[in-house]
Amino acid sequence: MRKRILIIDDDVRHLITAKEILEEEGYEVITHHYAFGATNTVRVQQPDLVLLDVNMPGLSGDRLSKVMLSNEKSKDIPIVFYSSNDEDSLRKAVSEYGVKGYICKGSIFDLRKGVAYYLGQSQ
């Protein structure tokens, strides 16, 4: 059975690019374009992994992660920040918000390797 990944990002280009890259790796990829409504998508889709952009208008990804981790239906789904923020701030956010880790945007290699790692399928 293919692993299901949900990508939540307000940047459509990043959504499309990441979706195509991960589908080439054999994953089932679902995208959600805004933070609002994302918790319902997580509840309905029950992904194996959530890639969550940190910088989104209205409701930031770090705040959204707190909501998802406090919800009984989504608290066990691994969340990974997928962001263009610098690594120091991402490490701090991971520690502060209790998500599994982070993947920096911009490297196809890092995206592939990071997703495999967080899904327990290290390459």
PDB file of N, CA and C in Angstrom:
ATOM      1  N   MET A   1       0.834  -1.181   0.000  1.00  0.00           N
ATOM      2  CA  MET A   1       0.000   0.000   0.000  1.00  0.00           C
ATOM      3  C   MET A   1       0.883   1.249   0.000  1.00  0.00           C
ATOM      4  N   ARG A   2       0.570   2.179  -0.873  1.00  0.00           N
ATOM      5  CA  ARG A   2       1.349   3.415  -0.981  1.00  0.00           C
ATOM      6  C   ARG A   2       1.118   4.301   0.239  1.00  0.00           C
ATOM      7  N   LYS A   3       2.171   4.962   0.650  1.00  0.00           N
ATOM      8  CA  LYS A   3       2.078   5.920   1.745  1.00  0.00           C
ATOM      9  C   LYS A   3       1.415   7.191   1.235  1.00  0.00           C
ATOM     10  N   ARG A   4       0.560   7.750   2.075  1.00  0.00           N
ATOM     11  CA  ARG A   4      -0.183   8.961   1.718  1.00  0.00           C
ATOM     12  C   ARG A   4       0.425  10.162   2.431  1.00  0.00           C
ATOM     13  N   ILE A   5       0.720  11.208   1.653  1.00  0.00           N
ATOM     14  CA  ILE A   5       1.317  12.426   2.180  1.00  0.00           C
ATOM     15  C   ILE A   5       0.381  13.595   1.893  1.00  0.00           C
ATOM     16  N   LEU A   6       0.163  14.412   2.904  1.00  0.00           N
ATOM     17  CA  LEU A   6      -0.612  15.635   2.744  1.00  0.00           C
ATOM     18  C   LEU A   6       0.352  16.813   2.811  1.00  0.00           C
ATOM     19  N   ILE A   7       0.327  17.665   1.793  1.00  0.00           N
ATOM     20  CA  ILE A   7       1.141  18.877   1.782  1.00  0.00           C
ATOM     21  C   ILE A   7       0.204  20.063   1.965  1.00  0.00           C
ATOM     22  N   ILE A   8       0.500  20.883   2.985  1.00  0.00           N
ATOM     23  CA  ILE A   8      -0.292  22.085   3.256  1.00  0.00           C
ATOM     24  C   ILE A   8       0.614  23.285   3.037  1.00  0.00           C
ATOM     25  N   ASP A   9       0.274  24.102   2.041  1.00  0.00           N
ATOM     26  CA  ASP A   9       1.123  25.235   1.674  1.00  0.00           C
ATOM     27  C   ASP A   9       0.267  26.258   0.943  1.00  0.00           C
ATOM     28  N   ASP A  10       0.517  27.536   1.185  1.00  0.00           N
ATOM     29  CA  ASP A  10      -0.237  28.571   0.497  1.00  0.00           C
ATOM     30  C   ASP A  10       0.365  28.920  -0.858  1.00  0.00           C
ATOM     31  N   ASP A  11       1.546  28.394  -1.165  1.00  0.00           N
ATOM     32  CA  ASP A  11       2.222  28.668  -2.436  1.00  0.00           C
ATOM     33  C   ASP A  11       1.931  27.526  -3.415  1.00  0.00           C
ATOM     34  N   VAL A  12       1.113  27.816  -4.411  1.00  0.00           N
ATOM     35  CA  VAL A  12       0.674  26.786  -5.364  1.00  0.00           C
ATOM     36  C   VAL A  12       1.856  26.164  -6.102  1.00  0.00           C
ATOM     37  N   ARG A  13       2.870  26.965  -6.422  1.00  0.00           N
ATOM     38  CA  ARG A  13       4.046  26.412  -7.127  1.00  0.00           C
ATOM     39  C   ARG A  13       4.730  25.339  -6.297  1.00  0.00           C
ATOM     40  N   HIS A  14       4.885  25.590  -5.009  1.00  0.00           N
ATOM     41  CA  HIS A  14       5.505  24.591  -4.141  1.00  0.00           C
ATOM     42  C   HIS A  14       4.626  23.353  -4.016  1.00  0.00           C
ATOM     43  N   LEU A  15       3.328  23.555  -3.932  1.00  0.00           N
ATOM     44  CA  LEU A  15       2.412  22.408  -3.863  1.00  0.00           C
ATOM     45  C   LEU A  15       2.556  21.511  -5.086  1.00  0.00           C
ATOM     46  N   ILE A  16       2.504  22.122  -6.256  1.00  0.00           N
ATOM     47  CA  ILE A  16       2.565  21.345  -7.503  1.00  0.00           C
ATOM     48  C   ILE A  16       3.920  20.658  -7.655  1.00  0.00           C
ATOM     49  N   THR A  17       4.983  21.397  -7.409  1.00  0.00           N
ATOM     50  CA  THR A  17       6.331  20.826  -7.553  1.00  0.00           C
ATOM     51  C   THR A  17       6.559  19.676  -6.591  1.00  0.00           C
ATOM     52  N   ALA A  18       6.256  19.893  -5.321  1.00  0.00           N
ATOM     53  CA  ALA A  18       6.463  18.838  -4.319  1.00  0.00           C
ATOM     54  C   ALA A  18       5.579  17.631  -4.617  1.00  0.00           C
ATOM     55  N   LYS A  19       4.358  17.873  -5.035  1.00  0.00           N
ATOM     56  CA  LYS A  19       3.433  16.777  -5.376  1.00  0.00           C
ATOM     57  C   LYS A  19       4.009  15.928  -6.501  1.00  0.00           C
ATOM     58  N   GLU A  20       4.486  16.569  -7.563  1.00  0.00           N
ATOM     59  CA  GLU A  20       5.040  15.834  -8.697  1.00  0.00           C
ATOM     60  C   GLU A  20       6.270  15.029  -8.289  1.00  0.00           C
ATOM     61  N   ILE A  21       7.163  15.641  -7.510  1.00  0.00           N
ATOM     62  CA  ILE A  21       8.380  14.952  -7.075  1.00  0.00           C
ATOM     63  C   ILE A  21       8.029  13.725  -6.239  1.00  0.00           C
ATOM     64  N   LEU A  22       7.116  13.884  -5.314  1.00  0.00           N
ATOM     65  CA  LEU A  22       6.788  12.771  -4.415  1.00  0.00           C
ATOM     66  C   LEU A  22       5.957  11.694  -5.114  1.00  0.00           C
ATOM     67  N   GLU A  23       5.125  12.085  -6.056  1.00  0.00           N
ATOM     68  CA  GLU A  23       4.387  11.076  -6.826  1.00  0.00           C
ATOM     69  C   GLU A  23       5.342  10.236  -7.668  1.00  0.00           C
ATOM     70  N   GLU A  24       6.406  10.864  -8.179  1.00  0.00           N
ATOM     71  CA  GLU A  24       7.426  10.103  -8.916  1.00  0.00           C
ATOM     72  C   GLU A  24       8.100   9.066  -8.024  1.00  0.00           C
ATOM     73  N   GLU A  25       8.129   9.322  -6.727  1.00  0.00           N
ATOM     74  CA  GLU A  25       8.722   8.391  -5.764  1.00  0.00           C
ATOM     75  C   GLU A  25       7.732   7.292  -5.358  1.00  0.00           C
ATOM     76  N   GLY A  26       6.499   7.384  -5.862  1.00  0.00           N
ATOM     77  CA  GLY A  26       5.515   6.345  -5.591  1.00  0.00           C
ATOM     78  C   GLY A  26       4.547   6.638  -4.457  1.00  0.00           C
ATOM     79  N   TYR A  27       4.589   7.852  -3.919  1.00  0.00           N
ATOM     80  CA  TYR A  27       3.671   8.208  -2.845  1.00  0.00           C
ATOM     81  C   TYR A  27       2.344   8.709  -3.404  1.00  0.00           C
ATOM     82  N   GLU A  28       1.301   8.535  -2.640  1.00  0.00           N
ATOM     83  CA  GLU A  28       0.025   9.177  -2.937  1.00  0.00           C
ATOM     84  C   GLU A  28       0.083  10.549  -2.269  1.00  0.00           C
ATOM     85  N   VAL A  29      -0.149  11.608  -3.018  1.00  0.00           N
ATOM     86  CA  VAL A  29       0.006  12.956  -2.483  1.00  0.00           C
ATOM     87  C   VAL A  29      -1.302  13.730  -2.609  1.00  0.00           C
ATOM     88  N   ILE A  30      -1.696  14.311  -1.491  1.00  0.00           N
ATOM     89  CA  ILE A  30      -2.867  15.164  -1.416  1.00  0.00           C
ATOM     90  C   ILE A  30      -2.361  16.560  -1.073  1.00  0.00           C
ATOM     91  N   THR A  31      -2.963  17.575  -1.651  1.00  0.00           N
ATOM     92  CA  THR A  31      -2.539  18.937  -1.339  1.00  0.00           C
ATOM     93  C   THR A  31      -3.700  19.728  -0.762  1.00  0.00           C
ATOM     94  N   HIS A  32      -3.340  20.688   0.066  1.00  0.00           N
ATOM     95  CA  HIS A  32      -4.318  21.611   0.631  1.00  0.00           C
ATOM     96  C   HIS A  32      -3.690  22.998   0.563  1.00  0.00           C
ATOM     97  N   HIS A  33      -4.398  23.932  -0.050  1.00  0.00           N
ATOM     98  CA  HIS A  33      -3.814  25.222  -0.412  1.00  0.00           C
ATOM     99  C   HIS A  33      -3.825  26.267   0.700  1.00  0.00           C
ATOM    100  N   TYR A  34      -4.544  26.083   1.763  1.00  0.00           N
ATOM    101  CA  TYR A  34      -4.609  27.068   2.841  1.00  0.00           C
ATOM    102  C   TYR A  34      -4.562  26.360   4.187  1.00  0.00           C
ATOM    103  N   ALA A  35      -4.226  27.109   5.225  1.00  0.00           N
ATOM    104  CA  ALA A  35      -4.248  26.537   6.569  1.00  0.00           C
ATOM    105  C   ALA A  35      -5.682  26.246   7.002  1.00  0.00           C
ATOM    106  N   PHE A  36      -6.591  27.162   6.656  1.00  0.00           N
ATOM    107  CA  PHE A  36      -7.979  26.975   7.065  1.00  0.00           C
ATOM    108  C   PHE A  36      -8.587  25.768   6.347  1.00  0.00           C
ATOM    109  N   GLY A  37      -9.231  24.922   7.111  1.00  0.00           N
ATOM    110  CA  GLY A  37      -9.826  23.708   6.578  1.00  0.00           C
ATOM    111  C   GLY A  37      -8.876  22.530   6.543  1.00  0.00           C
ATOM    112  N   ALA A  38      -7.611  22.772   6.857  1.00  0.00           N
ATOM    113  CA  ALA A  38      -6.614  21.694   6.786  1.00  0.00           C
ATOM    114  C   ALA A  38      -6.870  20.594   7.813  1.00  0.00           C
ATOM    115  N   THR A  39      -7.356  20.967   8.991  1.00  0.00           N
ATOM    116  CA  THR A  39      -7.603  19.940  10.008  1.00  0.00           C
ATOM    117  C   THR A  39      -8.686  18.969   9.547  1.00  0.00           C
ATOM    118  N   ASN A  40      -9.666  19.470   8.829  1.00  0.00           N
ATOM    119  CA  ASN A  40     -10.702  18.581   8.288  1.00  0.00           C
ATOM    120  C   ASN A  40     -10.104  17.655   7.229  1.00  0.00           C
ATOM    121  N   THR A  41      -9.229  18.176   6.379  1.00  0.00           N
ATOM    122  CA  THR A  41      -8.575  17.348   5.367  1.00  0.00           C
ATOM    123  C   THR A  41      -7.741  16.251   6.034  1.00  0.00           C
ATOM    124  N   VAL A  42      -7.034  16.597   7.086  1.00  0.00           N
ATOM    125  CA  VAL A  42      -6.249  15.595   7.823  1.00  0.00           C
ATOM    126  C   VAL A  42      -7.176  14.524   8.391  1.00  0.00           C
ATOM    127  N   ARG A  43      -8.272  14.953   8.994  1.00  0.00           N
ATOM    128  CA  ARG A  43      -9.216  14.003   9.601  1.00  0.00           C
ATOM    129  C   ARG A  43      -9.802  13.052   8.556  1.00  0.00           C
ATOM    130  N   VAL A  44     -10.181  13.584   7.421  1.00  0.00           N
ATOM    131  CA  VAL A  44     -10.814  12.776   6.375  1.00  0.00           C
ATOM    132  C   VAL A  44      -9.800  11.882   5.666  1.00  0.00           C
ATOM    133  N   GLN A  45      -8.643  12.424   5.311  1.00  0.00           N
ATOM    134  CA  GLN A  45      -7.660  11.700   4.501  1.00  0.00           C
ATOM    135  C   GLN A  45      -6.757  10.771   5.308  1.00  0.00           C
ATOM    136  N   GLN A  46      -6.558  11.054   6.589  1.00  0.00           N
ATOM    137  CA  GLN A  46      -5.691  10.255   7.454  1.00  0.00           C
ATOM    138  C   GLN A  46      -4.348   9.942   6.777  1.00  0.00           C
ATOM    139  N   PRO A  47      -3.576  10.972   6.464  1.00  0.00           N
ATOM    140  CA  PRO A  47      -2.294  10.745   5.782  1.00  0.00           C
ATOM    141  C   PRO A  47      -1.281  10.075   6.714  1.00  0.00           C
ATOM    142  N   ASP A  48      -0.255   9.497   6.109  1.00  0.00           N
ATOM    143  CA  ASP A  48       0.838   8.899   6.869  1.00  0.00           C
ATOM    144  C   ASP A  48       1.839   9.961   7.308  1.00  0.00           C
ATOM    145  N   LEU A  49       1.815  11.115   6.627  1.00  0.00           N
ATOM    146  CA  LEU A  49       2.739  12.207   6.919  1.00  0.00           C
ATOM    147  C   LEU A  49       2.128  13.513   6.436  1.00  0.00           C
ATOM    148  N   VAL A  50       2.330  14.583   7.211  1.00  0.00           N
ATOM    149  CA  VAL A  50       1.900  15.927   6.805  1.00  0.00           C
ATOM    150  C   VAL A  50       3.146  16.787   6.634  1.00  0.00           C
ATOM    151  N   LEU A  51       3.302  17.371   5.450  1.00  0.00           N
ATOM    152  CA  LEU A  51       4.325  18.383   5.206  1.00  0.00           C
ATOM    153  C   LEU A  51       3.628  19.727   5.324  1.00  0.00           C
ATOM    154  N   LEU A  52       4.074  20.539   6.277  1.00  0.00           N
ATOM    155  CA  LEU A  52       3.358  21.751   6.633  1.00  0.00           C
ATOM    156  C   LEU A  52       4.246  22.986   6.489  1.00  0.00           C
ATOM    157  N   ASP A  53       3.828  23.883   5.613  1.00  0.00           N
ATOM    158  CA  ASP A  53       4.536  25.158   5.473  1.00  0.00           C
ATOM    159  C   ASP A  53       4.348  25.958   6.757  1.00  0.00           C
ATOM    160  N   VAL A  54       5.376  26.665   7.167  1.00  0.00           N
ATOM    161  CA  VAL A  54       5.312  27.456   8.389  1.00  0.00           C
ATOM    162  C   VAL A  54       4.708  28.827   8.127  1.00  0.00           C
ATOM    163  N   ASN A  55       5.092  29.461   7.040  1.00  0.00           N
ATOM    164  CA  ASN A  55       4.682  30.838   6.754  1.00  0.00           C
ATOM    165  C   ASN A  55       3.455  30.882   5.853  1.00  0.00           C
ATOM    166  N   MET A  56       2.295  30.924   6.484  1.00  0.00           N
ATOM    167  CA  MET A  56       1.052  31.041   5.727  1.00  0.00           C
ATOM    168  C   MET A  56       0.238  32.179   6.340  1.00  0.00           C
ATOM    169  N   PRO A  57      -0.464  32.929   5.505  1.00  0.00           N
ATOM    170  CA  PRO A  57      -1.268  34.030   6.027  1.00  0.00           C
ATOM    171  C   PRO A  57      -2.472  33.521   6.823  1.00  0.00           C
ATOM    172  N   GLY A  58      -2.869  34.296   7.793  1.00  0.00           N
ATOM    173  CA  GLY A  58      -4.059  33.956   8.569  1.00  0.00           C
ATOM    174  C   GLY A  58      -3.778  33.027   9.725  1.00  0.00           C
ATOM    175  N   LEU A  59      -3.297  31.848   9.430  1.00  0.00           N
ATOM    176  CA  LEU A  59      -2.973  30.850  10.447  1.00  0.00           C
ATOM    177  C   LEU A  59      -1.655  30.212  10.053  1.00  0.00           C
ATOM    178  N   SER A  60      -0.626  30.506  10.803  1.00  0.00           N
ATOM    179  CA  SER A  60       0.707  29.992  10.464  1.00  0.00           C
ATOM    180  C   SER A  60       0.775  28.482  10.681  1.00  0.00           C
ATOM    181  N   GLY A  61       1.706  27.866  10.003  1.00  0.00           N
ATOM    182  CA  GLY A  61       1.865  26.424  10.113  1.00  0.00           C
ATOM    183  C   GLY A  61       2.230  25.963  11.510  1.00  0.00           C
ATOM    184  N   ASP A  62       3.030  26.763  12.214  1.00  0.00           N
ATOM    185  CA  ASP A  62       3.388  26.341  13.571  1.00  0.00           C
ATOM    186  C   ASP A  62       2.152  26.342  14.473  1.00  0.00           C
ATOM    187  N   ARG A  63       1.305  27.351  14.333  1.00  0.00           N
ATOM    188  CA  ARG A  63       0.062  27.373  15.122  1.00  0.00           C
ATOM    189  C   ARG A  63      -0.891  26.259  14.687  1.00  0.00           C
ATOM    190  N   LEU A  64      -0.951  26.005  13.391  1.00  0.00           N
ATOM    191  CA  LEU A  64      -1.790  24.920  12.886  1.00  0.00           C
ATOM    192  C   LEU A  64      -1.315  23.569  13.426  1.00  0.00           C
ATOM    193  N   SER A  65      -0.004  23.394  13.536  1.00  0.00           N
ATOM    194  CA  SER A  65       0.519  22.121  14.061  1.00  0.00           C
ATOM    195  C   SER A  65       0.041  21.895  15.492  1.00  0.00           C
ATOM    196  N   LYS A  66      -0.036  22.947  16.285  1.00  0.00           N
ATOM    197  CA  LYS A  66      -0.531  22.813  17.660  1.00  0.00           C
ATOM    198  C   LYS A  66      -1.976  22.323  17.667  1.00  0.00           C
ATOM    199  N   VAL A  67      -2.769  22.851  16.760  1.00  0.00           N
ATOM    200  CA  VAL A  67      -4.173  22.442  16.663  1.00  0.00           C
ATOM    201  C   VAL A  67      -4.251  20.967  16.277  1.00  0.00           C
ATOM    202  N   MET A  68      -3.478  20.568  15.272  1.00  0.00           N
ATOM    203  CA  MET A  68      -3.527  19.174  14.811  1.00  0.00           C
ATOM    204  C   MET A  68      -3.019  18.214  15.877  1.00  0.00           C
ATOM    205  N   LEU A  69      -1.971  18.597  16.592  1.00  0.00           N
ATOM    206  CA  LEU A  69      -1.410  17.717  17.617  1.00  0.00           C
ATOM    207  C   LEU A  69      -2.287  17.636  18.859  1.00  0.00           C
ATOM    208  N   SER A  70      -3.186  18.578  19.040  1.00  0.00           N
ATOM    209  CA  SER A  70      -4.091  18.519  20.191  1.00  0.00           C
ATOM    210  C   SER A  70      -5.418  17.837  19.860  1.00  0.00           C
ATOM    211  N   ASN A  71      -5.610  17.496  18.595  1.00  0.00           N
ATOM    212  CA  ASN A  71      -6.839  16.848  18.152  1.00  0.00           C
ATOM    213  C   ASN A  71      -6.685  15.330  18.233  1.00  0.00           C
ATOM    214  N   GLU A  72      -7.634  14.674  18.851  1.00  0.00           N
ATOM    215  CA  GLU A  72      -7.582  13.217  19.042  1.00  0.00           C
ATOM    216  C   GLU A  72      -7.457  12.460  17.714  1.00  0.00           C
ATOM    217  N   LYS A  73      -8.074  12.959  16.658  1.00  0.00           N
ATOM    218  CA  LYS A  73      -8.068  12.268  15.360  1.00  0.00           C
ATOM    219  C   LYS A  73      -6.759  12.448  14.591  1.00  0.00           C
ATOM    220  N   SER A  74      -5.973  13.469  14.927  1.00  0.00           N
ATOM    221  CA  SER A  74      -4.763  13.726  14.144  1.00  0.00           C
ATOM    222  C   SER A  74      -3.488  13.764  14.974  1.00  0.00           C
ATOM    223  N   LYS A  75      -3.574  13.562  16.267  1.00  0.00           N
ATOM    224  CA  LYS A  75      -2.411  13.740  17.134  1.00  0.00           C
ATOM    225  C   LYS A  75      -1.277  12.759  16.860  1.00  0.00           C
ATOM    226  N   ASP A  76      -1.579  11.599  16.275  1.00  0.00           N
ATOM    227  CA  ASP A  76      -0.547  10.597  16.015  1.00  0.00           C
ATOM    228  C   ASP A  76       0.014  10.648  14.591  1.00  0.00           C
ATOM    229  N   ILE A  77      -0.486  11.546  13.776  1.00  0.00           N
ATOM    230  CA  ILE A  77       0.006  11.691  12.407  1.00  0.00           C
ATOM    231  C   ILE A  77       1.264  12.564  12.443  1.00  0.00           C
ATOM    232  N   PRO A  78       2.392  12.057  11.929  1.00  0.00           N
ATOM    233  CA  PRO A  78       3.618  12.854  11.963  1.00  0.00           C
ATOM    234  C   PRO A  78       3.508  14.123  11.119  1.00  0.00           C
ATOM    235  N   ILE A  79       3.936  15.219  11.720  1.00  0.00           N
ATOM    236  CA  ILE A  79       3.951  16.515  11.042  1.00  0.00           C
ATOM    237  C   ILE A  79       5.400  16.946  10.893  1.00  0.00           C
ATOM    238  N   VAL A  80       5.751  17.366   9.679  1.00  0.00           N
ATOM    239  CA  VAL A  80       7.092  17.861   9.383  1.00  0.00           C
ATOM    240  C   VAL A  80       6.943  19.238   8.771  1.00  0.00           C
ATOM    241  N   PHE A  81       7.638  20.217   9.343  1.00  0.00           N
ATOM    242  CA  PHE A  81       7.631  21.543   8.740  1.00  0.00           C
ATOM    243  C   PHE A  81       8.392  21.491   7.421  1.00  0.00           C
ATOM    244  N   TYR A  82       7.779  22.047   6.380  1.00  0.00           N
ATOM    245  CA  TYR A  82       8.370  22.119   5.046  1.00  0.00           C
ATOM    246  C   TYR A  82       8.425  23.593   4.695  1.00  0.00           C
ATOM    247  N   SER A  83       9.601  24.193   4.845  1.00  0.00           N
ATOM    248  CA  SER A  83       9.669  25.647   4.841  1.00  0.00           C
ATOM    249  C   SER A  83      10.948  26.172   4.221  1.00  0.00           C
ATOM    250  N   SER A  84      10.891  27.427   3.811  1.00  0.00           N
ATOM    251  CA  SER A  84      12.078  28.113   3.321  1.00  0.00           C
ATOM    252  C   SER A  84      12.751  28.921   4.424  1.00  0.00           C
ATOM    253  N   ASN A  85      12.247  28.806   5.657  1.00  0.00           N
ATOM    254  CA  ASN A  85      12.891  29.468   6.801  1.00  0.00           C
ATOM    255  C   ASN A  85      14.292  28.907   7.004  1.00  0.00           C
ATOM    256  N   ASP A  86      15.139  29.666   7.700  1.00  0.00           N
ATOM    257  CA  ASP A  86      16.491  29.177   7.961  1.00  0.00           C
ATOM    258  C   ASP A  86      16.437  28.011   8.952  1.00  0.00           C
ATOM    259  N   GLU A  87      17.470  27.169   8.889  1.00  0.00           N
ATOM    260  CA  GLU A  87      17.479  25.944   9.685  1.00  0.00           C
ATOM    261  C   GLU A  87      17.462  26.196  11.187  1.00  0.00           C
ATOM    262  N   ASP A  88      18.113  27.248  11.641  1.00  0.00           N
ATOM    263  CA  ASP A  88      18.098  27.540  13.080  1.00  0.00           C
ATOM    264  C   ASP A  88      16.678  27.798  13.576  1.00  0.00           C
ATOM    265  N   SER A  89      15.928  28.601  12.842  1.00  0.00           N
ATOM    266  CA  SER A  89      14.557  28.883  13.276  1.00  0.00           C
ATOM    267  C   SER A  89      13.670  27.646  13.156  1.00  0.00           C
ATOM    268  N   LEU A  90      13.935  26.801  12.147  1.00  0.00           N
ATOM    269  CA  LEU A  90      13.151  25.570  12.006  1.00  0.00           C
ATOM    270  C   LEU A  90      13.444  24.590  13.145  1.00  0.00           C
ATOM    271  N   ARG A  91      14.727  24.458  13.520  1.00  0.00           N
ATOM    272  CA  ARG A  91      15.069  23.581  14.656  1.00  0.00           C
ATOM    273  C   ARG A  91      14.370  24.058  15.925  1.00  0.00           C
ATOM    274  N   LYS A  92      14.370  25.363  16.133  1.00  0.00           N
ATOM    275  CA  LYS A  92      13.714  25.925  17.302  1.00  0.00           C
ATOM    276  C   LYS A  92      12.204  25.653  17.257  1.00  0.00           C
ATOM    277  N   ALA A  93      11.595  25.840  16.098  1.00  0.00           N
ATOM    278  CA  ALA A  93      10.155  25.613  15.951  1.00  0.00           C
ATOM    279  C   ALA A  93       9.800  24.147  16.169  1.00  0.00           C
ATOM    280  N   VAL A  94      10.633  23.244  15.673  1.00  0.00           N
ATOM    281  CA  VAL A  94      10.395  21.807  15.871  1.00  0.00           C
ATOM    282  C   VAL A  94      10.374  21.497  17.368  1.00  0.00           C
ATOM    283  N   SER A  95      11.348  22.022  18.071  1.00  0.00           N
ATOM    284  CA  SER A  95      11.434  21.811  19.516  1.00  0.00           C
ATOM    285  C   SER A  95      10.245  22.436  20.244  1.00  0.00           C
ATOM    286  N   GLU A  96       9.894  23.636  19.850  1.00  0.00           N
ATOM    287  CA  GLU A  96       8.821  24.371  20.523  1.00  0.00           C
ATOM    288  C   GLU A  96       7.443  23.779  20.273  1.00  0.00           C
ATOM    289  N   TYR A  97       7.191  23.301  19.059  1.00  0.00           N
ATOM    290  CA  TYR A  97       5.843  22.854  18.700  1.00  0.00           C
ATOM    291  C   TYR A  97       5.659  21.343  18.713  1.00  0.00           C
ATOM    292  N   GLY A  98       6.730  20.590  18.888  1.00  0.00           N
ATOM    293  CA  GLY A  98       6.601  19.149  19.048  1.00  0.00           C
ATOM    294  C   GLY A  98       6.338  18.363  17.774  1.00  0.00           C
ATOM    295  N   VAL A  99       6.671  18.939  16.623  1.00  0.00           N
ATOM    296  CA  VAL A  99       6.525  18.188  15.372  1.00  0.00           C
ATOM    297  C   VAL A  99       7.739  17.269  15.200  1.00  0.00           C
ATOM    298  N   LYS A 100       7.690  16.383  14.233  1.00  0.00           N
ATOM    299  CA  LYS A 100       8.743  15.372  14.047  1.00  0.00           C
ATOM    300  C   LYS A 100      10.053  15.942  13.529  1.00  0.00           C
ATOM    301  N   GLY A 101       9.990  17.005  12.747  1.00  0.00           N
ATOM    302  CA  GLY A 101      11.215  17.558  12.174  1.00  0.00           C
ATOM    303  C   GLY A 101      10.905  18.596  11.128  1.00  0.00           C
ATOM    304  N   TYR A 102      11.880  18.808  10.248  1.00  0.00           N
ATOM    305  CA  TYR A 102      11.702  19.799   9.194  1.00  0.00           C
ATOM    306  C   TYR A 102      12.453  19.363   7.938  1.00  0.00           C
ATOM    307  N   ILE A 103      11.996  19.883   6.818  1.00  0.00           N
ATOM    308  CA  ILE A 103      12.658  19.735   5.521  1.00  0.00           C
ATOM    309  C   ILE A 103      12.698  21.132   4.919  1.00  0.00           C
ATOM    310  N   CYS A 104      13.872  21.551   4.504  1.00  0.00           N
ATOM    311  CA  CYS A 104      14.003  22.871   3.877  1.00  0.00           C
ATOM    312  C   CYS A 104      13.563  22.796   2.416  1.00  0.00           C
ATOM    313  N   LYS A 105      12.804  23.788   2.000  1.00  0.00           N
ATOM    314  CA  LYS A 105      12.398  23.871   0.598  1.00  0.00           C
ATOM    315  C   LYS A 105      13.604  24.220  -0.258  1.00  0.00           C
ATOM    316  N   GLY A 106      13.571  23.771  -1.502  1.00  0.00           N
ATOM    317  CA  GLY A 106      14.593  24.182  -2.455  1.00  0.00           C
ATOM    318  C   GLY A 106      15.450  23.051  -2.983  1.00  0.00           C
ATOM    319  N   SER A 107      15.478  21.918  -2.290  1.00  0.00           N
ATOM    320  CA  SER A 107      16.305  20.800  -2.738  1.00  0.00           C
ATOM    321  C   SER A 107      15.431  19.567  -2.958  1.00  0.00           C
ATOM    322  N   ILE A 108      15.402  19.102  -4.200  1.00  0.00           N
ATOM    323  CA  ILE A 108      14.652  17.890  -4.517  1.00  0.00           C
ATOM    324  C   ILE A 108      15.217  16.712  -3.729  1.00  0.00           C
ATOM    325  N   PHE A 109      16.533  16.639  -3.647  1.00  0.00           N
ATOM    326  CA  PHE A 109      17.192  15.561  -2.912  1.00  0.00           C
ATOM    327  C   PHE A 109      16.755  15.561  -1.447  1.00  0.00           C
ATOM    328  N   ASP A 110      16.779  16.735  -0.809  1.00  0.00           N
ATOM    329  CA  ASP A 110      16.391  16.820   0.600  1.00  0.00           C
ATOM    330  C   ASP A 110      14.924  16.455   0.796  1.00  0.00           C
ATOM    331  N   LEU A 111      14.066  16.841  -0.129  1.00  0.00           N
ATOM    332  CA  LEU A 111      12.656  16.497  -0.037  1.00  0.00           C
ATOM    333  C   LEU A 111      12.477  14.986  -0.095  1.00  0.00           C
ATOM    334  N   ARG A 112      13.074  14.362  -1.096  1.00  0.00           N
ATOM    335  CA  ARG A 112      12.953  12.902  -1.234  1.00  0.00           C
ATOM    336  C   ARG A 112      13.517  12.174  -0.024  1.00  0.00           C
ATOM    337  N   LYS A 113      14.723  12.562   0.367  1.00  0.00           N
ATOM    338  CA  LYS A 113      15.404  11.912   1.489  1.00  0.00           C
ATOM    339  C   LYS A 113      14.645  12.151   2.797  1.00  0.00           C
ATOM    340  N   GLY A 114      14.210  13.374   3.024  1.00  0.00           N
ATOM    341  CA  GLY A 114      13.498  13.702   4.250  1.00  0.00           C
ATOM    342  C   GLY A 114      12.182  12.966   4.389  1.00  0.00           C
ATOM    343  N   VAL A 115      11.410  12.923   3.326  1.00  0.00           N
ATOM    344  CA  VAL A 115      10.128  12.219   3.371  1.00  0.00           C
ATOM    345  C   VAL A 115      10.357  10.732   3.645  1.00  0.00           C
ATOM    346  N   ALA A 116      11.302  10.129   2.963  1.00  0.00           N
ATOM    347  CA  ALA A 116      11.614   8.709   3.204  1.00  0.00           C
ATOM    348  C   ALA A 116      12.018   8.496   4.657  1.00  0.00           C
ATOM    349  N   TYR A 117      12.830   9.376   5.181  1.00  0.00           N
ATOM    350  CA  TYR A 117      13.289   9.265   6.567  1.00  0.00           C
ATOM    351  C   TYR A 117      12.108   9.349   7.539  1.00  0.00           C
ATOM    352  N   TYR A 118      11.269  10.355   7.386  1.00  0.00           N
ATOM    353  CA  TYR A 118      10.164  10.539   8.323  1.00  0.00           C
ATOM    354  C   TYR A 118       9.083   9.487   8.176  1.00  0.00           C
ATOM    355  N   LEU A 119       9.049   8.825   7.050  1.00  0.00           N
ATOM    356  CA  LEU A 119       8.123   7.693   6.885  1.00  0.00           C
ATOM    357  C   LEU A 119       8.775   6.369   7.260  1.00  0.00           C
ATOM    358  N   GLY A 120      10.023   6.442   7.714  1.00  0.00           N
ATOM    359  CA  GLY A 120      10.708   5.224   8.131  1.00  0.00           C
ATOM    360  C   GLY A 120      11.199   4.373   6.982  1.00  0.00           C
ATOM    361  N   GLN A 121      11.432   5.000   5.829  1.00  0.00           N
ATOM    362  CA  GLN A 121      11.865   4.273   4.634  1.00  0.00           C
ATOM    363  C   GLN A 121      13.190   4.831   4.147  1.00  0.00           C
ATOM    364  N   SER A 122      14.117   5.052   5.052  1.00  0.00           N
ATOM    365  CA  SER A 122      15.394   5.675   4.684  1.00  0.00           C
ATOM    366  C   SER A 122      15.992   5.054   3.442  1.00  0.00           C
ATOM    367  N   GLN A 123      16.496   5.952   2.579  1.00  0.00           N
ATOM    368  CA  GLN A 123      17.053   5.493   1.303  1.00  0.00           C
ATOM    369  C   GLN A 123      18.534   5.326   1.421  1.00  0.00           C
TER     370      GLN A 123
END
